Amino acid sequence: MSHPIRAARQRIRAEHASVIDGIGACADAIAEPWDTARTTNREAVVGGLHRSLEETGILGSLPDVLTDVVSATGSELRACPVPAPPYVVVTSRGPILRATIDPGRLVVRFDAFDVVRGSDPDRRPAYRRRDDVRLTVVLE
């Protein structure tokens, strides 16, 4: 793991643990009404998570998290991020933050859901709530 990635991960865990917890709470709220441990309704996951993140104010705080994380890497953003693509994207796994910095493209993933694909290519994938929110930071 490179120094910028380690610095970004440490900053998120130290300064933005409440955001991780909030993402987890939003994901729990989305998954709570499911009658099984998973769903194949992608829109229920993506749309529901986006709405919940927006309603709780977490979506609006993610650009500030991105700005702080970029600062922790010793880099600067070229533009002021907004809670929309290309900086913030809510996917079927959870929110992703992206920024282009000097060493490359910084990507921060908050995976609250796993995508479960079966061996049958005609069958829709299922989405399962993770026990936690997995933080992944990469520099591409």
C-alpha atoms as a PDB file:
ATOM      1  CA  MET A   1       0.000   0.000   0.000  1.00  0.00           C
ATOM      2  CA  SER A   2       1.436   3.358  -0.993  1.00  0.00           C
ATOM      3  CA  HIS A   3       1.782   6.266   1.395  1.00  0.00           C
ATOM      4  CA  PRO A   4      -1.088   8.328  -0.137  1.00  0.00           C
ATOM      5  CA  ILE A   5      -3.467   5.373   0.132  1.00  0.00           C
ATOM      6  CA  ARG A   6      -2.476   4.703   3.727  1.00  0.00           C
ATOM      7  CA  ALA A   7      -2.865   8.407   4.583  1.00  0.00           C
ATOM      8  CA  ALA A   8      -6.304   8.532   2.942  1.00  0.00           C
ATOM      9  CA  ARG A   9      -7.520   5.409   4.734  1.00  0.00           C
ATOM     10  CA  GLN A  10      -6.239   6.635   8.101  1.00  0.00           C
ATOM     11  CA  ARG A  11      -7.866  10.051   7.648  1.00  0.00           C
ATOM     12  CA  ILE A  12     -11.243   8.523   6.819  1.00  0.00           C
ATOM     13  CA  ARG A  13     -11.141   6.161   9.787  1.00  0.00           C
ATOM     14  CA  ALA A  14      -9.945   8.855  12.203  1.00  0.00           C
ATOM     15  CA  GLU A  15     -11.966  11.865  11.066  1.00  0.00           C
ATOM     16  CA  HIS A  16     -14.963  10.446   9.194  1.00  0.00           C
ATOM     17  CA  ALA A  17     -16.026   7.370  11.164  1.00  0.00           C
ATOM     18  CA  SER A  18     -19.461   8.942  11.579  1.00  0.00           C
ATOM     19  CA  VAL A  19     -19.860   8.972   7.791  1.00  0.00           C
ATOM     20  CA  ILE A  20     -19.028   5.265   7.620  1.00  0.00           C
ATOM     21  CA  ASP A  21     -21.509   4.607  10.428  1.00  0.00           C
ATOM     22  CA  GLY A  22     -24.132   6.731   8.662  1.00  0.00           C
ATOM     23  CA  ILE A  23     -23.679   4.844   5.398  1.00  0.00           C
ATOM     24  CA  GLY A  24     -24.138   1.617   7.336  1.00  0.00           C
ATOM     25  CA  ALA A  25     -27.311   2.924   8.990  1.00  0.00           C
ATOM     26  CA  CYS A  26     -28.728   3.980   5.619  1.00  0.00           C
ATOM     27  CA  ALA A  27     -27.915   0.545   4.157  1.00  0.00           C
ATOM     28  CA  ASP A  28     -29.571  -1.141   7.138  1.00  0.00           C
ATOM     29  CA  ALA A  29     -32.709   0.930   6.571  1.00  0.00           C
ATOM     30  CA  ILE A  30     -32.781  -0.117   2.909  1.00  0.00           C
ATOM     31  CA  ALA A  31     -32.312  -3.828   3.687  1.00  0.00           C
ATOM     32  CA  GLU A  32     -34.595  -3.994   6.750  1.00  0.00           C
ATOM     33  CA  PRO A  33     -37.896  -4.510   4.856  1.00  0.00           C
ATOM     34  CA  TRP A  34     -36.521  -7.289   2.656  1.00  0.00           C
ATOM     35  CA  ASP A  35     -38.182 -10.626   3.346  1.00  0.00           C
ATOM     36  CA  THR A  36     -34.913 -12.481   2.656  1.00  0.00           C
ATOM     37  CA  ALA A  37     -31.220 -11.734   3.122  1.00  0.00           C
ATOM     38  CA  ARG A  38     -30.967 -10.363  -0.411  1.00  0.00           C
ATOM     39  CA  THR A  39     -32.860  -8.710  -3.253  1.00  0.00           C
ATOM     40  CA  THR A  40     -32.556  -8.703  -7.024  1.00  0.00           C
ATOM     41  CA  ASN A  41     -34.106  -5.233  -7.252  1.00  0.00           C
ATOM     42  CA  ARG A  42     -31.145  -3.021  -8.155  1.00  0.00           C
ATOM     43  CA  GLU A  43     -33.224   0.164  -8.065  1.00  0.00           C
ATOM     44  CA  ALA A  44     -34.337  -0.608  -4.509  1.00  0.00           C
ATOM     45  CA  VAL A  45     -30.678  -0.685  -3.502  1.00  0.00           C
ATOM     46  CA  VAL A  46     -29.258   2.180  -5.566  1.00  0.00           C
ATOM     47  CA  GLY A  47     -32.257   4.492  -5.519  1.00  0.00           C
ATOM     48  CA  GLY A  48     -33.119   3.726  -1.927  1.00  0.00           C
ATOM     49  CA  LEU A  49     -29.548   4.223  -0.750  1.00  0.00           C
ATOM     50  CA  HIS A  50     -29.215   7.474  -2.691  1.00  0.00           C
ATOM     51  CA  ARG A  51     -32.455   8.828  -1.178  1.00  0.00           C
ATOM     52  CA  SER A  52     -31.487   7.756   2.327  1.00  0.00           C
ATOM     53  CA  LEU A  53     -28.002   9.266   2.037  1.00  0.00           C
ATOM     54  CA  GLU A  54     -29.542  12.485   0.747  1.00  0.00           C
ATOM     55  CA  GLU A  55     -32.236  12.644   3.466  1.00  0.00           C
ATOM     56  CA  THR A  56     -29.688  12.116   6.252  1.00  0.00           C
ATOM     57  CA  GLY A  57     -27.274  14.719   4.851  1.00  0.00           C
ATOM     58  CA  ILE A  58     -24.534  12.172   4.310  1.00  0.00           C
ATOM     59  CA  LEU A  59     -24.583  12.564   0.531  1.00  0.00           C
ATOM     60  CA  GLY A  60     -24.003  16.295   0.897  1.00  0.00           C
ATOM     61  CA  SER A  61     -21.065  15.699   3.249  1.00  0.00           C
ATOM     62  CA  LEU A  62     -19.220  13.302   0.932  1.00  0.00           C
ATOM     63  CA  PRO A  63     -17.544  16.068  -1.141  1.00  0.00           C
ATOM     64  CA  ASP A  64     -16.052  17.433   2.103  1.00  0.00           C
ATOM     65  CA  VAL A  65     -14.807  13.945   2.953  1.00  0.00           C
ATOM     66  CA  LEU A  66     -13.224  13.738  -0.498  1.00  0.00           C
ATOM     67  CA  THR A  67     -11.570  17.144  -0.102  1.00  0.00           C
ATOM     68  CA  ASP A  68     -10.172  16.136   3.299  1.00  0.00           C
ATOM     69  CA  VAL A  69      -8.938  12.775   2.026  1.00  0.00           C
ATOM     70  CA  VAL A  70      -7.184  14.392  -0.934  1.00  0.00           C
ATOM     71  CA  SER A  71      -5.557  16.844   1.482  1.00  0.00           C
ATOM     72  CA  ALA A  72      -4.368  13.908   3.604  1.00  0.00           C
ATOM     73  CA  THR A  73      -2.558  12.506   0.561  1.00  0.00           C
ATOM     74  CA  GLY A  74      -0.634  15.764   0.181  1.00  0.00           C
ATOM     75  CA  SER A  75      -2.454  16.594  -3.045  1.00  0.00           C
ATOM     76  CA  GLU A  76      -4.944  19.233  -4.110  1.00  0.00           C
ATOM     77  CA  LEU A  77      -8.165  18.986  -6.047  1.00  0.00           C
ATOM     78  CA  ARG A  78      -8.329  20.790  -9.370  1.00  0.00           C
ATOM     79  CA  ALA A  79     -11.971  21.745  -8.812  1.00  0.00           C
ATOM     80  CA  CYS A  80     -14.453  21.932  -5.947  1.00  0.00           C
ATOM     81  CA  PRO A  81     -16.236  18.550  -5.708  1.00  0.00           C
ATOM     82  CA  VAL A  82     -20.020  18.234  -5.663  1.00  0.00           C
ATOM     83  CA  PRO A  83     -22.240  15.369  -4.428  1.00  0.00           C
ATOM     84  CA  ALA A  84     -22.727  14.076  -7.976  1.00  0.00           C
ATOM     85  CA  PRO A  85     -20.671  12.435 -10.726  1.00  0.00           C
ATOM     86  CA  PRO A  86     -17.792  12.417 -11.360  1.00  0.00           C
ATOM     87  CA  TYR A  87     -16.891  13.059  -7.702  1.00  0.00           C
ATOM     88  CA  VAL A  88     -19.616  11.141  -5.831  1.00  0.00           C
ATOM     89  CA  VAL A  89     -21.535   8.199  -7.250  1.00  0.00           C
ATOM     90  CA  VAL A  90     -23.974   5.929  -5.423  1.00  0.00           C
ATOM     91  CA  THR A  91     -23.713   2.395  -6.807  1.00  0.00           C
ATOM     92  CA  SER A  92     -25.312  -0.932  -5.949  1.00  0.00           C
ATOM     93  CA  ARG A  93     -22.450  -1.554  -3.527  1.00  0.00           C
ATOM     94  CA  GLY A  94     -22.458   1.872  -1.897  1.00  0.00           C
ATOM     95  CA  PRO A  95     -21.028   5.351  -2.435  1.00  0.00           C
ATOM     96  CA  ILE A  96     -17.816   5.924  -4.374  1.00  0.00           C
ATOM     97  CA  LEU A  97     -15.712   9.083  -4.188  1.00  0.00           C
ATOM     98  CA  ARG A  98     -13.343   9.905  -7.048  1.00  0.00           C
ATOM     99  CA  ALA A  99     -10.733  12.579  -7.640  1.00  0.00           C
ATOM    100  CA  THR A 100      -7.901  13.076 -10.074  1.00  0.00           C
ATOM    101  CA  ILE A 101      -4.730  14.036  -8.235  1.00  0.00           C
ATOM    102  CA  ASP A 102      -1.076  14.248  -9.270  1.00  0.00           C
ATOM    103  CA  PRO A 103      -0.204  10.575  -8.735  1.00  0.00           C
ATOM    104  CA  GLY A 104      -3.364   9.362 -10.522  1.00  0.00           C
ATOM    105  CA  ARG A 105      -7.060   8.780  -9.870  1.00  0.00           C
ATOM    106  CA  LEU A 106      -7.975   8.391  -6.204  1.00  0.00           C
ATOM    107  CA  VAL A 107     -11.004   6.148  -5.649  1.00  0.00           C
ATOM    108  CA  VAL A 108     -12.648   5.665  -2.250  1.00  0.00           C
ATOM    109  CA  ARG A 109     -15.332   2.980  -1.980  1.00  0.00           C
ATOM    110  CA  PHE A 110     -17.745   2.461   0.889  1.00  0.00           C
ATOM    111  CA  ASP A 111     -19.165  -0.999   0.162  1.00  0.00           C
ATOM    112  CA  ALA A 112     -22.327  -1.601   2.191  1.00  0.00           C
ATOM    113  CA  PHE A 113     -23.701  -4.292  -0.149  1.00  0.00           C
ATOM    114  CA  ASP A 114     -22.207  -7.285  -1.940  1.00  0.00           C
ATOM    115  CA  VAL A 115     -23.276  -8.176  -5.463  1.00  0.00           C
ATOM    116  CA  VAL A 116     -23.947 -11.908  -5.705  1.00  0.00           C
ATOM    117  CA  ARG A 117     -23.789 -13.364  -9.183  1.00  0.00           C
ATOM    118  CA  GLY A 118     -24.777 -16.945  -9.913  1.00  0.00           C
ATOM    119  CA  SER A 119     -23.453 -19.234 -12.605  1.00  0.00           C
ATOM    120  CA  ASP A 120     -26.531 -18.643 -14.804  1.00  0.00           C
ATOM    121  CA  PRO A 121     -25.793 -15.571 -16.972  1.00  0.00           C
ATOM    122  CA  ASP A 122     -29.522 -15.029 -17.600  1.00  0.00           C
ATOM    123  CA  ARG A 123     -30.260 -14.671 -13.903  1.00  0.00           C
ATOM    124  CA  ARG A 124     -30.206 -11.197 -12.379  1.00  0.00           C
ATOM    125  CA  PRO A 125     -27.585 -10.508  -9.709  1.00  0.00           C
ATOM    126  CA  ALA A 126     -28.662 -10.273  -6.096  1.00  0.00           C
ATOM    127  CA  TYR A 127     -27.672  -7.611  -3.596  1.00  0.00           C
ATOM    128  CA  ARG A 128     -26.881  -8.619  -0.024  1.00  0.00           C
ATOM    129  CA  ARG A 129     -26.286  -6.254   2.901  1.00  0.00           C
ATOM    130  CA  ARG A 130     -22.755  -6.697   4.248  1.00  0.00           C
ATOM    131  CA  ASP A 131     -22.211  -7.073   7.995  1.00  0.00           C
ATOM    132  CA  ASP A 132     -20.118  -3.918   7.860  1.00  0.00           C
ATOM    133  CA  VAL A 133     -19.149  -1.112   5.498  1.00  0.00           C
ATOM    134  CA  ARG A 134     -15.920  -2.083   3.763  1.00  0.00           C
ATOM    135  CA  LEU A 135     -13.620   0.855   3.057  1.00  0.00           C
ATOM    136  CA  THR A 136     -11.409   0.510  -0.010  1.00  0.00           C
ATOM    137  CA  VAL A 137      -8.975   3.193  -1.175  1.00  0.00           C
ATOM    138  CA  VAL A 138      -7.032   2.805  -4.424  1.00  0.00           C
ATOM    139  CA  LEU A 139      -4.865   4.992  -6.598  1.00  0.00           C
ATOM    140  CA  GLU A 140      -5.252   4.092 -10.263  1.00  0.00           C
END
